[in-house]
Amino acid sequence: MANTSSPKPETIGIPELAATAAERHDLTKSNAKAILDGIRDQIVSSILAGKRVGIFGLGTFETRATKAQMGRNPKTGEQIRIPAGRKVVFKVAKGIKDQL
């Protein structure tokens, strides 16, 4: 059977984003990284507090409740109960969705 999956896309992290921001906005890399770290921390704390975080042109982060359900252990085939919980979801902005 042929492998039809596409290759994994390149991952860009905070250091790469900080380097680009520093270059574009005449900042040091450490200042740009500190700004991005602060934004990330604020997004995380807002999500944990149950707030929605909308970033215009990018999308919206929010939490959603999940229902308890029955699942199956793939190794043993045994049925297991998956408890109710919460998950973080990201809804991409319409402008990006239209470009895909």
N, C-alpha and C. Protein backbone atom coordinates (compact mmCIF):
# COMPACT_ATOMS: atom_id res chain seq x y z
N MET A 1 0.84 -1.17 0.00
CA MET A 1 0.00 0.00 0.00
C MET A 1 0.89 1.24 0.00
N ALA A 2 0.62 2.17 -0.88
CA ALA A 2 1.42 3.39 -1.00
C ALA A 2 1.06 4.38 0.10
N ASN A 3 2.05 5.11 0.56
CA ASN A 3 1.82 6.14 1.58
C ASN A 3 1.35 7.40 0.86
N THR A 4 0.07 7.76 1.07
CA THR A 4 -0.49 8.91 0.38
C THR A 4 -0.50 10.17 1.23
N SER A 5 0.04 10.10 2.44
CA SER A 5 0.04 11.28 3.29
C SER A 5 1.08 12.28 2.79
N SER A 6 0.75 13.55 2.96
CA SER A 6 1.68 14.59 2.52
C SER A 6 2.77 14.77 3.57
N PRO A 7 3.90 15.30 3.18
CA PRO A 7 4.98 15.51 4.16
C PRO A 7 4.54 16.53 5.21
N LYS A 8 5.12 16.40 6.40
CA LYS A 8 4.79 17.31 7.49
C LYS A 8 5.25 18.72 7.13
N PRO A 9 4.38 19.73 7.38
CA PRO A 9 4.81 21.10 7.09
C PRO A 9 5.86 21.57 8.12
N GLU A 10 6.62 22.54 7.73
CA GLU A 10 7.63 23.12 8.63
C GLU A 10 6.92 23.76 9.83
N THR A 11 7.48 23.59 11.01
CA THR A 11 6.92 24.18 12.22
C THR A 11 7.68 25.45 12.56
N ILE A 12 6.95 26.53 12.78
CA ILE A 12 7.54 27.81 13.17
C ILE A 12 7.18 28.02 14.64
N GLY A 13 8.17 28.27 15.46
CA GLY A 13 7.95 28.47 16.89
C GLY A 13 8.17 29.92 17.30
N ILE A 14 8.08 30.14 18.61
CA ILE A 14 8.28 31.48 19.17
C ILE A 14 9.63 32.08 18.75
N PRO A 15 10.74 31.34 18.81
CA PRO A 15 12.02 31.96 18.42
C PRO A 15 12.04 32.47 16.98
N GLU A 16 11.44 31.70 16.06
CA GLU A 16 11.40 32.12 14.66
C GLU A 16 10.46 33.32 14.48
N LEU A 17 9.31 33.28 15.15
CA LEU A 17 8.39 34.42 15.09
C LEU A 17 9.03 35.68 15.67
N ALA A 18 9.75 35.50 16.78
CA ALA A 18 10.42 36.64 17.42
C ALA A 18 11.49 37.23 16.51
N ALA A 19 12.24 36.38 15.83
CA ALA A 19 13.29 36.87 14.92
C ALA A 19 12.66 37.68 13.79
N THR A 20 11.56 37.21 13.23
CA THR A 20 10.88 37.92 12.15
C THR A 20 10.31 39.25 12.65
N ALA A 21 9.66 39.22 13.83
CA ALA A 21 9.09 40.45 14.40
C ALA A 21 10.19 41.46 14.71
N ALA A 22 11.30 40.99 15.25
CA ALA A 22 12.41 41.88 15.58
C ALA A 22 12.93 42.59 14.34
N GLU A 23 13.05 41.83 13.27
CA GLU A 23 13.55 42.39 12.01
C GLU A 23 12.58 43.41 11.43
N ARG A 24 11.29 43.08 11.45
CA ARG A 24 10.28 43.96 10.84
C ARG A 24 9.99 45.21 11.65
N HIS A 25 10.17 45.15 12.96
CA HIS A 25 9.75 46.26 13.82
C HIS A 25 10.90 46.89 14.60
N ASP A 26 12.12 46.68 14.14
CA ASP A 26 13.30 47.29 14.73
C ASP A 26 13.36 47.05 16.24
N LEU A 27 13.23 45.76 16.64
CA LEU A 27 13.33 45.36 18.04
C LEU A 27 14.50 44.40 18.18
N THR A 28 14.94 44.22 19.42
CA THR A 28 15.91 43.16 19.64
C THR A 28 15.14 41.84 19.65
N LYS A 29 15.84 40.76 19.37
CA LYS A 29 15.17 39.45 19.38
C LYS A 29 14.64 39.13 20.77
N SER A 30 15.38 39.52 21.82
CA SER A 30 14.93 39.22 23.18
C SER A 30 13.67 40.03 23.53
N ASN A 31 13.59 41.28 23.07
CA ASN A 31 12.37 42.08 23.31
C ASN A 31 11.18 41.50 22.56
N ALA A 32 11.39 41.11 21.31
CA ALA A 32 10.31 40.52 20.52
C ALA A 32 9.84 39.21 21.15
N LYS A 33 10.78 38.40 21.63
CA LYS A 33 10.42 37.13 22.29
C LYS A 33 9.65 37.39 23.57
N ALA A 34 10.05 38.40 24.33
CA ALA A 34 9.34 38.74 25.56
C ALA A 34 7.90 39.18 25.27
N ILE A 35 7.71 39.94 24.21
CA ILE A 35 6.36 40.37 23.82
C ILE A 35 5.52 39.16 23.44
N LEU A 36 6.06 38.27 22.61
CA LEU A 36 5.32 37.08 22.19
C LEU A 36 5.02 36.16 23.37
N ASP A 37 5.98 36.01 24.29
CA ASP A 37 5.75 35.20 25.49
C ASP A 37 4.61 35.80 26.32
N GLY A 38 4.58 37.11 26.44
CA GLY A 38 3.53 37.78 27.19
C GLY A 38 2.16 37.60 26.55
N ILE A 39 2.11 37.68 25.23
CA ILE A 39 0.85 37.46 24.51
C ILE A 39 0.38 36.03 24.71
N ARG A 40 1.30 35.08 24.56
CA ARG A 40 0.95 33.68 24.75
C ARG A 40 0.43 33.43 26.16
N ASP A 41 1.11 33.96 27.16
CA ASP A 41 0.69 33.77 28.56
C ASP A 41 -0.69 34.37 28.81
N GLN A 42 -0.97 35.52 28.22
CA GLN A 42 -2.28 36.15 28.39
C GLN A 42 -3.37 35.33 27.72
N ILE A 43 -3.10 34.80 26.55
CA ILE A 43 -4.08 33.94 25.86
C ILE A 43 -4.37 32.71 26.71
N VAL A 44 -3.34 32.06 27.22
CA VAL A 44 -3.52 30.85 28.04
C VAL A 44 -4.31 31.16 29.30
N SER A 45 -3.96 32.22 30.01
CA SER A 45 -4.68 32.53 31.25
C SER A 45 -6.13 32.91 30.98
N SER A 46 -6.40 33.57 29.86
CA SER A 46 -7.77 33.92 29.50
C SER A 46 -8.59 32.68 29.17
N ILE A 47 -8.00 31.76 28.43
CA ILE A 47 -8.69 30.51 28.10
C ILE A 47 -8.98 29.71 29.37
N LEU A 48 -8.01 29.62 30.25
CA LEU A 48 -8.20 28.88 31.51
C LEU A 48 -9.27 29.53 32.39
N ALA A 49 -9.48 30.84 32.24
CA ALA A 49 -10.51 31.55 32.99
C ALA A 49 -11.88 31.44 32.31
N GLY A 50 -11.94 30.69 31.21
CA GLY A 50 -13.22 30.49 30.53
C GLY A 50 -13.60 31.57 29.54
N LYS A 51 -12.66 32.44 29.20
CA LYS A 51 -12.94 33.52 28.25
C LYS A 51 -12.61 33.07 26.83
N ARG A 52 -13.28 33.70 25.86
CA ARG A 52 -12.95 33.52 24.45
C ARG A 52 -11.87 34.53 24.11
N VAL A 53 -10.93 34.14 23.27
CA VAL A 53 -9.88 35.05 22.83
C VAL A 53 -9.95 35.15 21.32
N GLY A 54 -10.33 36.33 20.83
CA GLY A 54 -10.41 36.55 19.39
C GLY A 54 -9.25 37.40 18.94
N ILE A 55 -8.55 36.94 17.92
CA ILE A 55 -7.44 37.69 17.34
C ILE A 55 -7.85 38.00 15.90
N PHE A 56 -8.19 39.26 15.67
CA PHE A 56 -8.71 39.67 14.37
C PHE A 56 -7.77 39.23 13.25
N GLY A 57 -8.33 38.60 12.26
CA GLY A 57 -7.56 38.15 11.10
C GLY A 57 -6.92 36.79 11.29
N LEU A 58 -6.94 36.25 12.51
CA LEU A 58 -6.34 34.95 12.78
C LEU A 58 -7.42 33.93 13.16
N GLY A 59 -8.16 34.23 14.23
CA GLY A 59 -9.21 33.31 14.65
C GLY A 59 -9.56 33.49 16.12
N THR A 60 -10.31 32.52 16.66
CA THR A 60 -10.81 32.59 18.02
C THR A 60 -10.48 31.30 18.77
N PHE A 61 -9.95 31.46 19.99
CA PHE A 61 -9.72 30.35 20.89
C PHE A 61 -10.84 30.34 21.92
N GLU A 62 -11.35 29.16 22.26
CA GLU A 62 -12.33 29.04 23.33
C GLU A 62 -12.34 27.62 23.87
N THR A 63 -12.98 27.45 25.02
CA THR A 63 -13.11 26.11 25.58
C THR A 63 -14.52 25.61 25.31
N ARG A 64 -14.64 24.31 25.15
CA ARG A 64 -15.94 23.68 24.97
C ARG A 64 -16.00 22.46 25.89
N ALA A 65 -17.21 22.20 26.38
CA ALA A 65 -17.42 21.02 27.22
C ALA A 65 -17.50 19.79 26.33
N THR A 66 -16.99 18.67 26.83
CA THR A 66 -17.13 17.40 26.14
C THR A 66 -17.99 16.49 26.99
N LYS A 67 -18.80 15.67 26.36
CA LYS A 67 -19.67 14.74 27.07
C LYS A 67 -18.89 13.47 27.43
N ALA A 68 -19.33 12.81 28.49
CA ALA A 68 -18.78 11.50 28.81
C ALA A 68 -19.20 10.54 27.71
N GLN A 69 -18.32 9.61 27.37
CA GLN A 69 -18.65 8.66 26.32
C GLN A 69 -17.90 7.35 26.52
N MET A 70 -18.32 6.37 25.79
CA MET A 70 -17.64 5.08 25.84
C MET A 70 -16.62 5.04 24.71
N GLY A 71 -15.46 4.49 25.02
CA GLY A 71 -14.41 4.34 24.03
C GLY A 71 -13.89 2.92 24.07
N ARG A 72 -12.85 2.66 23.31
CA ARG A 72 -12.29 1.33 23.27
C ARG A 72 -10.77 1.43 23.33
N ASN A 73 -10.17 0.64 24.20
CA ASN A 73 -8.72 0.58 24.28
C ASN A 73 -8.24 -0.11 23.01
N PRO A 74 -7.48 0.58 22.15
CA PRO A 74 -7.08 -0.02 20.88
C PRO A 74 -6.16 -1.23 21.04
N LYS A 75 -5.45 -1.30 22.15
CA LYS A 75 -4.52 -2.41 22.37
C LYS A 75 -5.25 -3.69 22.78
N THR A 76 -6.23 -3.55 23.68
CA THR A 76 -6.91 -4.73 24.22
C THR A 76 -8.32 -4.92 23.69
N GLY A 77 -8.90 -3.87 23.11
CA GLY A 77 -10.27 -3.95 22.63
C GLY A 77 -11.29 -3.76 23.74
N GLU A 78 -10.82 -3.60 24.96
CA GLU A 78 -11.71 -3.44 26.12
C GLU A 78 -12.41 -2.08 26.06
N GLN A 79 -13.71 -2.07 26.40
CA GLN A 79 -14.45 -0.82 26.44
C GLN A 79 -14.05 -0.05 27.70
N ILE A 80 -13.89 1.26 27.53
CA ILE A 80 -13.54 2.12 28.66
C ILE A 80 -14.45 3.34 28.65
N ARG A 81 -14.66 3.91 29.83
CA ARG A 81 -15.48 5.11 29.94
C ARG A 81 -14.56 6.32 29.87
N ILE A 82 -14.86 7.22 28.97
CA ILE A 82 -14.10 8.47 28.85
C ILE A 82 -14.93 9.54 29.56
N PRO A 83 -14.38 10.14 30.62
CA PRO A 83 -15.16 11.10 31.40
C PRO A 83 -15.40 12.41 30.64
N ALA A 84 -16.42 13.14 31.08
CA ALA A 84 -16.68 14.46 30.54
C ALA A 84 -15.52 15.38 30.89
N GLY A 85 -15.32 16.39 30.11
CA GLY A 85 -14.22 17.32 30.37
C GLY A 85 -14.38 18.59 29.55
N ARG A 86 -13.27 19.26 29.37
CA ARG A 86 -13.24 20.46 28.54
C ARG A 86 -12.10 20.33 27.57
N LYS A 87 -12.25 21.00 26.42
CA LYS A 87 -11.16 21.03 25.45
C LYS A 87 -11.06 22.43 24.88
N VAL A 88 -9.88 22.77 24.40
CA VAL A 88 -9.65 24.06 23.75
C VAL A 88 -9.83 23.87 22.26
N VAL A 89 -10.59 24.76 21.65
CA VAL A 89 -10.79 24.71 20.20
C VAL A 89 -10.36 26.05 19.59
N PHE A 90 -9.93 25.98 18.36
CA PHE A 90 -9.54 27.17 17.62
C PHE A 90 -10.37 27.22 16.35
N LYS A 91 -11.04 28.33 16.13
CA LYS A 91 -11.82 28.51 14.90
C LYS A 91 -11.09 29.56 14.07
N VAL A 92 -10.66 29.16 12.91
CA VAL A 92 -9.88 30.03 12.05
C VAL A 92 -10.75 31.15 11.49
N ALA A 93 -10.16 32.31 11.29
CA ALA A 93 -10.87 33.48 10.76
C ALA A 93 -11.29 33.22 9.31
N LYS A 94 -12.40 33.85 8.93
CA LYS A 94 -12.96 33.66 7.60
C LYS A 94 -11.96 34.03 6.51
N GLY A 95 -11.22 35.09 6.71
CA GLY A 95 -10.24 35.52 5.70
C GLY A 95 -9.19 34.46 5.39
N ILE A 96 -8.74 33.75 6.42
CA ILE A 96 -7.77 32.68 6.21
C ILE A 96 -8.45 31.48 5.57
N LYS A 97 -9.64 31.15 6.09
CA LYS A 97 -10.39 30.01 5.56
C LYS A 97 -10.64 30.18 4.06
N ASP A 98 -10.98 31.39 3.65
CA ASP A 98 -11.24 31.66 2.23
C ASP A 98 -10.00 31.49 1.36
N GLN A 99 -8.82 31.68 1.95
CA GLN A 99 -7.58 31.57 1.19
C GLN A 99 -7.08 30.14 1.07
N LEU A 100 -7.63 29.22 1.86
CA LEU A 100 -7.17 27.84 1.81
C LEU A 100 -7.72 27.09 0.63
